[in-house]
Amino acid sequence: MEKRKKTKELSEDLRSKIVRKHGQSQGYKSISKDLNVPVSTVRSVINKFKAHGTVANLPRCGRKRKINERFQRKIVRMVEKEPRLTSKQLQAVLQSEGTTVSTRTIRRRLNEKGLYGTIPRKTPLLTQRHKKARLEFAKTYLRKPKTFWKNVLWSDETKVELFRKRHQHRVYRKKNRPSKKRTRSPQSNMAEVP
């Protein structure tokens, strides 16, 4: 059994054409051929017009969204510009513009656009064992001649960031985005001698 192809909603202009042609006493099949629309769709449009007197979209069931498309685009732009914004900060921005929403609603709207919150990776603090190993490493190269250092490739790409406090900021990033990996050369350790 074949799956039915999902069709888009007909425009109001096309629906009014269907009703106009039916008013000119044209049959369902001829309207279907003229406008390239299925017969069942023609029938349902005409029945709706007879019942409600309009071809416009009627109000649908369910509660309307508090965040409309405009606010959703604004939230996505803000998060892409500043990935460390929290949902509470976004909530405050929306509240200042007159829209009261929960933080959970904001996170749901971001998830719809493929932006998921993650906690940034923390660089661990250096322990005494690390410091001792680094000092031993530096002492082994302390008495090397100048000719040895001319052949060393120096790299200042890596840096150790120390976090004293636990940061609870979330970073919003696109799903399945490739991460940037840094390669670390053994010579980069030589630059940081205590």
N, C-alpha and C. Protein backbone atom coordinates (compact mmCIF):
# COMPACT_ATOMS: atom_id res chain seq x y z
N MET A 1 0.84 -1.19 0.00
CA MET A 1 0.00 0.00 0.00
C MET A 1 0.88 1.25 0.00
N GLU A 2 0.62 2.17 -0.90
CA GLU A 2 1.42 3.39 -1.01
C GLU A 2 1.03 4.39 0.06
N LYS A 3 2.04 5.14 0.53
CA LYS A 3 1.77 6.19 1.49
C LYS A 3 1.19 7.39 0.75
N ARG A 4 0.18 8.03 1.37
CA ARG A 4 -0.40 9.21 0.74
C ARG A 4 0.56 10.37 0.83
N LYS A 5 0.67 11.10 -0.26
CA LYS A 5 1.55 12.26 -0.31
C LYS A 5 0.91 13.40 0.47
N LYS A 6 1.70 14.04 1.34
CA LYS A 6 1.18 15.15 2.12
C LYS A 6 1.05 16.37 1.22
N THR A 7 -0.13 16.99 1.20
CA THR A 7 -0.33 18.16 0.35
C THR A 7 -0.38 19.41 1.21
N LYS A 8 -0.05 20.54 0.58
CA LYS A 8 -0.10 21.81 1.29
C LYS A 8 -1.53 22.32 1.32
N GLU A 9 -1.79 23.23 2.24
CA GLU A 9 -3.11 23.82 2.36
C GLU A 9 -3.36 24.73 1.15
N LEU A 10 -4.56 24.70 0.62
CA LEU A 10 -4.90 25.54 -0.52
C LEU A 10 -4.95 27.00 -0.11
N SER A 11 -4.57 27.88 -1.01
CA SER A 11 -4.64 29.31 -0.72
C SER A 11 -6.10 29.77 -0.74
N GLU A 12 -6.37 30.89 -0.08
CA GLU A 12 -7.75 31.41 -0.04
C GLU A 12 -8.22 31.77 -1.44
N ASP A 13 -7.29 32.26 -2.27
CA ASP A 13 -7.62 32.65 -3.64
C ASP A 13 -8.13 31.43 -4.43
N LEU A 14 -7.42 30.30 -4.31
CA LEU A 14 -7.82 29.09 -5.02
C LEU A 14 -9.15 28.55 -4.50
N ARG A 15 -9.36 28.63 -3.19
CA ARG A 15 -10.63 28.17 -2.62
C ARG A 15 -11.79 29.03 -3.11
N SER A 16 -11.57 30.36 -3.21
CA SER A 16 -12.65 31.23 -3.69
C SER A 16 -12.93 30.97 -5.17
N LYS A 17 -11.89 30.59 -5.96
CA LYS A 17 -12.10 30.22 -7.37
C LYS A 17 -12.98 28.98 -7.46
N ILE A 18 -12.73 28.01 -6.57
CA ILE A 18 -13.54 26.78 -6.56
C ILE A 18 -15.01 27.11 -6.30
N VAL A 19 -15.25 27.99 -5.31
CA VAL A 19 -16.63 28.36 -4.95
C VAL A 19 -17.28 29.14 -6.09
N ARG A 20 -16.51 30.03 -6.73
CA ARG A 20 -17.03 30.82 -7.85
C ARG A 20 -17.44 29.91 -9.01
N LYS A 21 -16.59 28.94 -9.35
CA LYS A 21 -16.90 28.01 -10.44
C LYS A 21 -18.12 27.16 -10.10
N HIS A 22 -18.26 26.78 -8.81
CA HIS A 22 -19.43 26.01 -8.40
C HIS A 22 -20.70 26.86 -8.50
N GLY A 23 -20.55 28.15 -8.21
CA GLY A 23 -21.68 29.08 -8.34
C GLY A 23 -22.13 29.24 -9.78
N GLN A 24 -21.20 29.02 -10.72
CA GLN A 24 -21.53 29.10 -12.15
C GLN A 24 -22.06 27.75 -12.65
N SER A 25 -22.51 26.92 -11.72
CA SER A 25 -23.08 25.58 -11.96
C SER A 25 -22.14 24.66 -12.74
N GLN A 26 -20.87 24.67 -12.32
CA GLN A 26 -19.87 23.76 -12.89
C GLN A 26 -19.74 22.57 -11.94
N GLY A 27 -19.55 21.38 -12.46
CA GLY A 27 -19.50 20.17 -11.65
C GLY A 27 -18.15 19.99 -10.94
N TYR A 28 -18.15 19.09 -9.95
CA TYR A 28 -16.93 18.83 -9.16
C TYR A 28 -15.77 18.37 -10.04
N LYS A 29 -16.04 17.45 -10.97
CA LYS A 29 -14.98 16.88 -11.80
C LYS A 29 -14.38 17.93 -12.74
N SER A 30 -15.22 18.77 -13.32
CA SER A 30 -14.69 19.80 -14.25
C SER A 30 -13.88 20.85 -13.48
N ILE A 31 -14.32 21.21 -12.26
CA ILE A 31 -13.55 22.14 -11.42
C ILE A 31 -12.21 21.51 -11.08
N SER A 32 -12.23 20.23 -10.75
CA SER A 32 -11.01 19.50 -10.40
C SER A 32 -10.01 19.51 -11.55
N LYS A 33 -10.51 19.30 -12.78
CA LYS A 33 -9.63 19.29 -13.96
C LYS A 33 -9.09 20.69 -14.25
N ASP A 34 -9.96 21.70 -14.15
CA ASP A 34 -9.56 23.08 -14.47
C ASP A 34 -8.48 23.59 -13.52
N LEU A 35 -8.63 23.31 -12.25
CA LEU A 35 -7.72 23.89 -11.24
C LEU A 35 -6.65 22.91 -10.75
N ASN A 36 -6.67 21.67 -11.29
CA ASN A 36 -5.69 20.64 -10.92
C ASN A 36 -5.71 20.37 -9.40
N VAL A 37 -6.92 20.13 -8.89
CA VAL A 37 -7.14 19.86 -7.47
C VAL A 37 -7.95 18.57 -7.37
N PRO A 38 -7.69 17.72 -6.37
CA PRO A 38 -8.49 16.50 -6.23
C PRO A 38 -9.98 16.78 -6.04
N VAL A 39 -10.82 15.88 -6.52
CA VAL A 39 -12.27 16.04 -6.43
C VAL A 39 -12.72 16.12 -4.98
N SER A 40 -12.10 15.30 -4.11
CA SER A 40 -12.47 15.30 -2.68
C SER A 40 -12.20 16.67 -2.05
N THR A 41 -11.12 17.32 -2.48
CA THR A 41 -10.79 18.64 -1.95
C THR A 41 -11.83 19.66 -2.41
N VAL A 42 -12.21 19.58 -3.68
CA VAL A 42 -13.24 20.49 -4.22
C VAL A 42 -14.53 20.33 -3.42
N ARG A 43 -14.92 19.07 -3.16
CA ARG A 43 -16.15 18.79 -2.42
C ARG A 43 -16.08 19.37 -1.01
N SER A 44 -14.93 19.16 -0.33
CA SER A 44 -14.82 19.64 1.06
C SER A 44 -14.81 21.16 1.13
N VAL A 45 -14.21 21.84 0.14
CA VAL A 45 -14.20 23.31 0.13
C VAL A 45 -15.62 23.85 -0.06
N ILE A 46 -16.36 23.24 -0.98
CA ILE A 46 -17.74 23.69 -1.24
C ILE A 46 -18.63 23.41 -0.03
N ASN A 47 -18.48 22.23 0.61
CA ASN A 47 -19.27 21.91 1.81
C ASN A 47 -18.96 22.88 2.95
N LYS A 48 -17.69 23.23 3.08
CA LYS A 48 -17.31 24.19 4.13
C LYS A 48 -17.93 25.55 3.87
N PHE A 49 -17.95 25.96 2.58
CA PHE A 49 -18.54 27.25 2.24
C PHE A 49 -20.04 27.26 2.51
N LYS A 50 -20.69 26.14 2.21
CA LYS A 50 -22.13 26.06 2.47
C LYS A 50 -22.44 26.10 3.96
N ALA A 51 -21.59 25.46 4.77
CA ALA A 51 -21.83 25.39 6.23
C ALA A 51 -21.49 26.70 6.94
N HIS A 52 -20.37 27.34 6.55
CA HIS A 52 -19.89 28.50 7.30
C HIS A 52 -19.97 29.82 6.53
N GLY A 53 -20.19 29.76 5.22
CA GLY A 53 -20.31 30.98 4.43
C GLY A 53 -18.99 31.68 4.17
N THR A 54 -17.88 31.00 4.38
CA THR A 54 -16.56 31.58 4.14
C THR A 54 -15.57 30.50 3.70
N VAL A 55 -14.52 30.93 2.99
CA VAL A 55 -13.46 30.00 2.61
C VAL A 55 -12.19 30.24 3.43
N ALA A 56 -12.25 31.24 4.30
CA ALA A 56 -11.09 31.56 5.15
C ALA A 56 -10.88 30.47 6.20
N ASN A 57 -9.66 30.42 6.75
CA ASN A 57 -9.36 29.43 7.80
C ASN A 57 -10.13 29.77 9.06
N LEU A 58 -10.83 28.80 9.60
CA LEU A 58 -11.57 28.99 10.84
C LEU A 58 -10.64 28.79 12.02
N PRO A 59 -10.98 29.37 13.18
CA PRO A 59 -10.12 29.16 14.35
C PRO A 59 -10.05 27.69 14.72
N ARG A 60 -8.86 27.22 15.00
CA ARG A 60 -8.66 25.81 15.30
C ARG A 60 -8.67 25.58 16.80
N CYS A 61 -8.80 24.31 17.18
CA CYS A 61 -8.85 23.99 18.60
C CYS A 61 -7.45 24.10 19.21
N GLY A 62 -7.39 24.18 20.51
CA GLY A 62 -6.11 24.25 21.21
C GLY A 62 -5.71 25.69 21.51
N ARG A 63 -4.86 25.81 22.50
CA ARG A 63 -4.40 27.12 22.94
C ARG A 63 -3.37 27.66 21.96
N LYS A 64 -3.42 28.97 21.72
CA LYS A 64 -2.44 29.60 20.84
C LYS A 64 -1.10 29.68 21.54
N ARG A 65 -0.03 29.66 20.77
CA ARG A 65 1.30 29.77 21.34
C ARG A 65 1.53 31.17 21.87
N LYS A 66 2.23 31.24 23.02
CA LYS A 66 2.55 32.55 23.58
C LYS A 66 3.68 33.21 22.81
N ILE A 67 4.62 32.39 22.33
CA ILE A 67 5.72 32.93 21.54
C ILE A 67 5.39 32.74 20.07
N ASN A 68 5.15 33.86 19.39
CA ASN A 68 4.85 33.75 17.96
C ASN A 68 6.15 33.62 17.16
N GLU A 69 6.03 33.51 15.85
CA GLU A 69 7.20 33.28 14.99
C GLU A 69 8.23 34.41 15.11
N ARG A 70 7.75 35.64 15.25
CA ARG A 70 8.66 36.79 15.35
C ARG A 70 9.54 36.69 16.59
N PHE A 71 8.92 36.39 17.73
CA PHE A 71 9.68 36.25 18.98
C PHE A 71 10.60 35.04 18.93
N GLN A 72 10.16 33.97 18.28
CA GLN A 72 11.00 32.78 18.17
C GLN A 72 12.26 33.09 17.36
N ARG A 73 12.11 33.82 16.24
CA ARG A 73 13.28 34.21 15.45
C ARG A 73 14.21 35.09 16.25
N LYS A 74 13.62 35.98 17.06
CA LYS A 74 14.43 36.89 17.88
C LYS A 74 15.24 36.10 18.92
N ILE A 75 14.60 35.13 19.57
CA ILE A 75 15.29 34.30 20.57
C ILE A 75 16.45 33.55 19.92
N VAL A 76 16.20 32.96 18.75
CA VAL A 76 17.24 32.19 18.05
C VAL A 76 18.41 33.10 17.68
N ARG A 77 18.10 34.31 17.19
CA ARG A 77 19.17 35.26 16.84
C ARG A 77 20.00 35.63 18.06
N MET A 78 19.32 35.88 19.20
CA MET A 78 20.03 36.25 20.43
C MET A 78 20.95 35.13 20.88
N VAL A 79 20.46 33.89 20.81
CA VAL A 79 21.24 32.74 21.28
C VAL A 79 22.43 32.48 20.34
N GLU A 80 22.21 32.66 19.03
CA GLU A 80 23.31 32.44 18.09
C GLU A 80 24.38 33.52 18.25
N LYS A 81 23.95 34.73 18.61
CA LYS A 81 24.90 35.83 18.82
C LYS A 81 25.66 35.65 20.14
N GLU A 82 24.94 35.25 21.19
CA GLU A 82 25.53 35.07 22.52
C GLU A 82 25.12 33.70 23.05
N PRO A 83 25.91 32.64 22.78
CA PRO A 83 25.50 31.27 23.15
C PRO A 83 25.38 31.02 24.65
N ARG A 84 25.95 31.86 25.49
CA ARG A 84 25.90 31.62 26.94
C ARG A 84 24.69 32.25 27.62
N LEU A 85 23.75 32.75 26.84
CA LEU A 85 22.52 33.30 27.43
C LEU A 85 21.70 32.16 28.03
N THR A 86 21.18 32.40 29.21
CA THR A 86 20.34 31.39 29.86
C THR A 86 18.88 31.65 29.52
N SER A 87 18.04 30.65 29.76
CA SER A 87 16.62 30.81 29.47
C SER A 87 15.99 31.86 30.39
N LYS A 88 16.56 32.05 31.59
CA LYS A 88 16.04 33.08 32.50
C LYS A 88 16.33 34.47 31.96
N GLN A 89 17.52 34.65 31.36
CA GLN A 89 17.85 35.95 30.77
C GLN A 89 16.97 36.23 29.56
N LEU A 90 16.70 35.20 28.77
CA LEU A 90 15.80 35.36 27.62
C LEU A 90 14.38 35.68 28.09
N GLN A 91 13.98 35.05 29.20
CA GLN A 91 12.66 35.31 29.77
C GLN A 91 12.53 36.77 30.19
N ALA A 92 13.59 37.32 30.77
CA ALA A 92 13.57 38.73 31.20
C ALA A 92 13.45 39.67 30.00
N VAL A 93 14.13 39.33 28.91
CA VAL A 93 14.06 40.16 27.69
C VAL A 93 12.64 40.14 27.13
N LEU A 94 12.04 38.95 27.06
CA LEU A 94 10.67 38.84 26.55
C LEU A 94 9.67 39.55 27.47
N GLN A 95 9.91 39.48 28.77
CA GLN A 95 9.00 40.11 29.73
C GLN A 95 9.05 41.63 29.59
N SER A 96 10.25 42.17 29.29
CA SER A 96 10.38 43.62 29.10
C SER A 96 9.62 44.08 27.85
N GLU A 97 9.37 43.15 26.92
CA GLU A 97 8.64 43.48 25.70
C GLU A 97 7.16 43.11 25.80
N GLY A 98 6.73 42.65 26.98
CA GLY A 98 5.31 42.42 27.22
C GLY A 98 4.83 41.00 27.03
N THR A 99 5.72 40.03 26.89
CA THR A 99 5.32 38.63 26.75
C THR A 99 5.81 37.85 27.96
N THR A 100 4.88 37.26 28.72
CA THR A 100 5.25 36.49 29.89
C THR A 100 5.21 35.00 29.54
N VAL A 101 6.37 34.37 29.57
CA VAL A 101 6.46 32.93 29.27
C VAL A 101 7.38 32.27 30.29
N SER A 102 7.25 30.95 30.40
CA SER A 102 8.12 30.21 31.31
C SER A 102 9.45 29.91 30.62
N THR A 103 10.45 29.59 31.43
CA THR A 103 11.76 29.24 30.88
C THR A 103 11.69 27.94 30.09
N ARG A 104 10.81 27.05 30.53
CA ARG A 104 10.65 25.77 29.84
C ARG A 104 10.13 25.98 28.41
N THR A 105 9.19 26.94 28.24
CA THR A 105 8.65 27.25 26.92
C THR A 105 9.76 27.77 26.00
N ILE A 106 10.63 28.61 26.54
CA ILE A 106 11.74 29.16 25.76
C ILE A 106 12.66 28.03 25.32
N ARG A 107 12.97 27.10 26.24
CA ARG A 107 13.85 25.98 25.89
C ARG A 107 13.20 25.09 24.82
N ARG A 108 11.88 24.90 24.90
CA ARG A 108 11.19 24.10 23.89
C ARG A 108 11.29 24.75 22.51
N ARG A 109 11.09 26.06 22.45
CA ARG A 109 11.18 26.77 21.17
C ARG A 109 12.59 26.69 20.59
N LEU A 110 13.61 26.76 21.45
CA LEU A 110 15.00 26.64 20.99
C LEU A 110 15.27 25.22 20.49
N ASN A 111 14.74 24.23 21.19
CA ASN A 111 14.93 22.83 20.78
C ASN A 111 14.29 22.56 19.42
N GLU A 112 13.16 23.22 19.15
CA GLU A 112 12.52 23.07 17.85
C GLU A 112 13.43 23.50 16.71
N LYS A 113 14.24 24.51 16.97
CA LYS A 113 15.15 25.04 15.96
C LYS A 113 16.51 24.33 15.97
N GLY A 114 16.63 23.27 16.78
CA GLY A 114 17.87 22.50 16.80
C GLY A 114 18.94 23.05 17.73
N LEU A 115 18.56 23.95 18.64
CA LEU A 115 19.51 24.52 19.60
C LEU A 115 19.29 23.87 20.95
N TYR A 116 20.27 23.13 21.42
CA TYR A 116 20.15 22.38 22.67
C TYR A 116 21.15 22.93 23.68
N GLY A 117 20.72 23.01 24.93
CA GLY A 117 21.57 23.54 25.99
C GLY A 117 22.53 22.50 26.52
N THR A 118 23.77 22.88 26.65
CA THR A 118 24.79 22.01 27.24
C THR A 118 25.61 22.82 28.21
N ILE A 119 26.20 22.15 29.19
CA ILE A 119 27.07 22.84 30.14
C ILE A 119 28.48 22.83 29.58
N PRO A 120 29.18 23.98 29.56
CA PRO A 120 30.53 24.00 29.00
C PRO A 120 31.48 23.10 29.77
N ARG A 121 32.42 22.49 29.05
CA ARG A 121 33.38 21.60 29.68
C ARG A 121 34.31 22.41 30.58
N LYS A 122 34.59 21.89 31.75
CA LYS A 122 35.45 22.59 32.71
C LYS A 122 36.86 22.03 32.62
N THR A 123 37.83 22.92 32.62
CA THR A 123 39.22 22.49 32.64
C THR A 123 39.58 22.22 34.10
N PRO A 124 40.08 21.04 34.43
CA PRO A 124 40.37 20.75 35.84
C PRO A 124 41.56 21.56 36.35
N LEU A 125 41.56 21.85 37.63
CA LEU A 125 42.67 22.55 38.26
C LEU A 125 43.90 21.65 38.30
N LEU A 126 45.07 22.26 38.26
CA LEU A 126 46.31 21.49 38.33
C LEU A 126 46.50 20.99 39.77
N THR A 127 46.77 19.72 39.90
CA THR A 127 47.04 19.16 41.23
C THR A 127 48.53 19.26 41.52
N GLN A 128 48.92 18.90 42.75
CA GLN A 128 50.35 18.93 43.12
C GLN A 128 51.14 17.95 42.25
N ARG A 129 50.53 16.83 41.91
CA ARG A 129 51.20 15.84 41.07
C ARG A 129 51.52 16.41 39.68
N HIS A 130 50.55 17.18 39.12
CA HIS A 130 50.77 17.81 37.83
C HIS A 130 51.91 18.82 37.90
N LYS A 131 51.89 19.64 38.95
CA LYS A 131 52.93 20.68 39.10
C LYS A 131 54.31 20.05 39.24
N LYS A 132 54.37 18.97 39.99
CA LYS A 132 55.65 18.28 40.22
C LYS A 132 56.17 17.67 38.91
N ALA A 133 55.27 17.04 38.16
CA ALA A 133 55.67 16.45 36.87
C ALA A 133 56.14 17.51 35.90
N ARG A 134 55.48 18.66 35.90
CA ARG A 134 55.87 19.75 35.01
C ARG A 134 57.24 20.31 35.39
N LEU A 135 57.50 20.41 36.69
CA LEU A 135 58.79 20.90 37.16
C LEU A 135 59.91 19.92 36.79
N GLU A 136 59.64 18.62 36.93
CA GLU A 136 60.62 17.60 36.54
C GLU A 136 60.92 17.68 35.04
N PHE A 137 59.88 17.88 34.27
CA PHE A 137 60.03 18.01 32.82
C PHE A 137 60.91 19.22 32.48
N ALA A 138 60.67 20.33 33.18
CA ALA A 138 61.45 21.55 32.93
C ALA A 138 62.91 21.36 33.35
N LYS A 139 63.14 20.66 34.46
CA LYS A 139 64.51 20.45 34.94
C LYS A 139 65.33 19.60 33.97
N THR A 140 64.67 18.64 33.28
CA THR A 140 65.40 17.79 32.33
C THR A 140 65.93 18.60 31.14
N TYR A 141 65.24 19.68 30.78
CA TYR A 141 65.67 20.50 29.64
C TYR A 141 66.40 21.77 30.06
N LEU A 142 66.68 21.92 31.34
CA LEU A 142 67.29 23.14 31.85
C LEU A 142 68.71 23.35 31.34
N ARG A 143 69.52 22.33 31.25
CA ARG A 143 70.94 22.44 30.88
C ARG A 143 71.21 22.17 29.40
N LYS A 144 70.18 22.19 28.57
CA LYS A 144 70.38 21.93 27.14
C LYS A 144 71.09 23.12 26.48
N PRO A 145 71.97 22.88 25.49
CA PRO A 145 72.68 23.97 24.82
C PRO A 145 71.74 24.76 23.89
N LYS A 146 72.22 25.94 23.42
CA LYS A 146 71.41 26.79 22.56
C LYS A 146 71.13 26.14 21.21
N THR A 147 72.02 25.30 20.76
CA THR A 147 71.80 24.62 19.47
C THR A 147 70.59 23.69 19.52
N PHE A 148 70.34 23.12 20.70
CA PHE A 148 69.18 22.24 20.88
C PHE A 148 67.88 23.04 20.71
N TRP A 149 67.83 24.24 21.29
CA TRP A 149 66.61 25.05 21.28
C TRP A 149 66.31 25.63 19.91
N LYS A 150 67.32 25.70 19.04
CA LYS A 150 67.08 26.21 17.69
C LYS A 150 66.22 25.24 16.88
N ASN A 151 66.26 23.97 17.21
CA ASN A 151 65.50 22.96 16.48
C ASN A 151 64.11 22.70 17.07
N VAL A 152 63.75 23.40 18.16
CA VAL A 152 62.45 23.17 18.81
C VAL A 152 61.39 24.05 18.14
N LEU A 153 60.27 23.44 17.84
CA LEU A 153 59.14 24.16 17.27
C LEU A 153 58.27 24.64 18.43
N TRP A 154 58.16 25.97 18.60
CA TRP A 154 57.41 26.54 19.72
C TRP A 154 55.96 26.76 19.31
N SER A 155 55.07 26.44 20.21
CA SER A 155 53.64 26.61 19.94
C SER A 155 52.98 27.22 21.17
N ASP A 156 52.33 28.36 20.97
CA ASP A 156 51.62 29.02 22.08
C ASP A 156 50.11 28.88 21.92
N GLU A 157 49.67 27.83 21.24
CA GLU A 157 48.24 27.66 20.99
C GLU A 157 47.46 27.27 22.23
N THR A 158 48.07 26.46 23.08
CA THR A 158 47.32 25.95 24.22
C THR A 158 47.46 26.87 25.41
N LYS A 159 46.41 26.94 26.19
CA LYS A 159 46.48 27.67 27.45
C LYS A 159 45.59 26.96 28.46
N VAL A 160 45.99 26.99 29.69
CA VAL A 160 45.24 26.31 30.75
C VAL A 160 44.37 27.36 31.42
N GLU A 161 43.07 27.12 31.43
CA GLU A 161 42.15 28.03 32.09
C GLU A 161 41.71 27.39 33.40
N LEU A 162 41.83 28.14 34.47
CA LEU A 162 41.46 27.61 35.79
C LEU A 162 40.09 28.16 36.17
N PHE A 163 39.20 27.25 36.56
CA PHE A 163 37.88 27.65 37.02
C PHE A 163 37.81 27.43 38.53
N ARG A 164 37.66 28.50 39.25
CA ARG A 164 37.54 28.41 40.71
C ARG A 164 36.09 28.08 41.11
N LYS A 165 35.11 28.62 40.36
CA LYS A 165 33.70 28.40 40.70
C LYS A 165 33.07 27.50 39.64
N ARG A 166 31.99 26.84 40.03
CA ARG A 166 31.26 26.03 39.06
C ARG A 166 30.34 26.95 38.28
N HIS A 167 30.53 26.97 36.97
CA HIS A 167 29.68 27.80 36.12
C HIS A 167 28.49 26.96 35.67
N GLN A 168 27.30 27.49 35.85
CA GLN A 168 26.11 26.78 35.44
C GLN A 168 25.52 27.34 34.14
N HIS A 169 26.31 28.14 33.41
CA HIS A 169 25.81 28.68 32.15
C HIS A 169 25.68 27.56 31.14
N ARG A 170 24.67 27.69 30.31
CA ARG A 170 24.48 26.72 29.24
C ARG A 170 24.92 27.34 27.94
N VAL A 171 25.48 26.52 27.10
CA VAL A 171 25.90 26.96 25.77
C VAL A 171 24.96 26.32 24.78
N TYR A 172 24.30 27.14 23.97
CA TYR A 172 23.38 26.62 22.97
C TYR A 172 24.13 26.46 21.67
N ARG A 173 24.10 25.26 21.15
CA ARG A 173 24.75 25.04 19.86
C ARG A 173 23.92 24.11 19.01
N LYS A 174 24.15 24.16 17.71
CA LYS A 174 23.39 23.35 16.77
C LYS A 174 23.70 21.88 16.98
N LYS A 175 22.71 21.05 16.75
CA LYS A 175 22.87 19.61 16.87
C LYS A 175 23.75 19.11 15.73
N ASN A 176 24.59 18.12 16.03
CA ASN A 176 25.47 17.48 15.05
C ASN A 176 26.46 18.44 14.41
N ARG A 177 26.84 19.48 15.13
CA ARG A 177 27.85 20.39 14.61
C ARG A 177 29.22 19.82 14.94
N PRO A 178 30.15 19.77 13.98
CA PRO A 178 31.47 19.18 14.29
C PRO A 178 32.23 20.03 15.30
N SER A 179 32.84 19.37 16.27
CA SER A 179 33.58 20.09 17.29
C SER A 179 34.99 20.37 16.80
N LYS A 180 35.55 21.46 17.31
CA LYS A 180 36.91 21.83 16.93
C LYS A 180 37.87 21.19 17.91
N LYS A 181 38.73 20.32 17.42
CA LYS A 181 39.69 19.65 18.29
C LYS A 181 41.04 20.31 18.13
N ARG A 182 41.71 20.54 19.24
CA ARG A 182 43.04 21.13 19.19
C ARG A 182 44.08 20.05 19.40
N THR A 183 45.13 20.14 18.64
CA THR A 183 46.23 19.20 18.83
C THR A 183 47.25 19.86 19.73
N ARG A 184 47.83 19.08 20.59
CA ARG A 184 48.76 19.64 21.57
C ARG A 184 50.14 19.03 21.34
N SER A 185 51.11 19.90 21.12
CA SER A 185 52.46 19.40 20.89
C SER A 185 53.20 19.30 22.21
N PRO A 186 54.15 18.37 22.36
CA PRO A 186 54.86 18.22 23.62
C PRO A 186 55.73 19.43 23.94
N GLN A 187 56.13 20.19 22.93
CA GLN A 187 56.98 21.35 23.17
C GLN A 187 56.21 22.49 23.84
N SER A 188 54.86 22.49 23.70
CA SER A 188 54.08 23.58 24.29
C SER A 188 54.17 23.56 25.82
N ASN A 189 54.48 22.41 26.40
CA ASN A 189 54.64 22.32 27.85
C ASN A 189 55.86 23.08 28.34
N MET A 190 56.84 23.25 27.49
CA MET A 190 58.10 23.88 27.90
C MET A 190 57.91 25.36 28.19
N ALA A 191 56.94 25.98 27.55
CA ALA A 191 56.76 27.41 27.70
C ALA A 191 56.27 27.78 29.09
N GLU A 192 55.60 26.88 29.76
CA GLU A 192 55.00 27.19 31.07
C GLU A 192 55.80 26.53 32.20
N VAL A 193 56.94 27.12 32.51
CA VAL A 193 57.77 26.63 33.59
C VAL A 193 57.53 27.52 34.81
N PRO A 194 57.22 26.94 35.97
CA PRO A 194 56.95 27.78 37.15
C PRO A 194 58.20 28.50 37.64
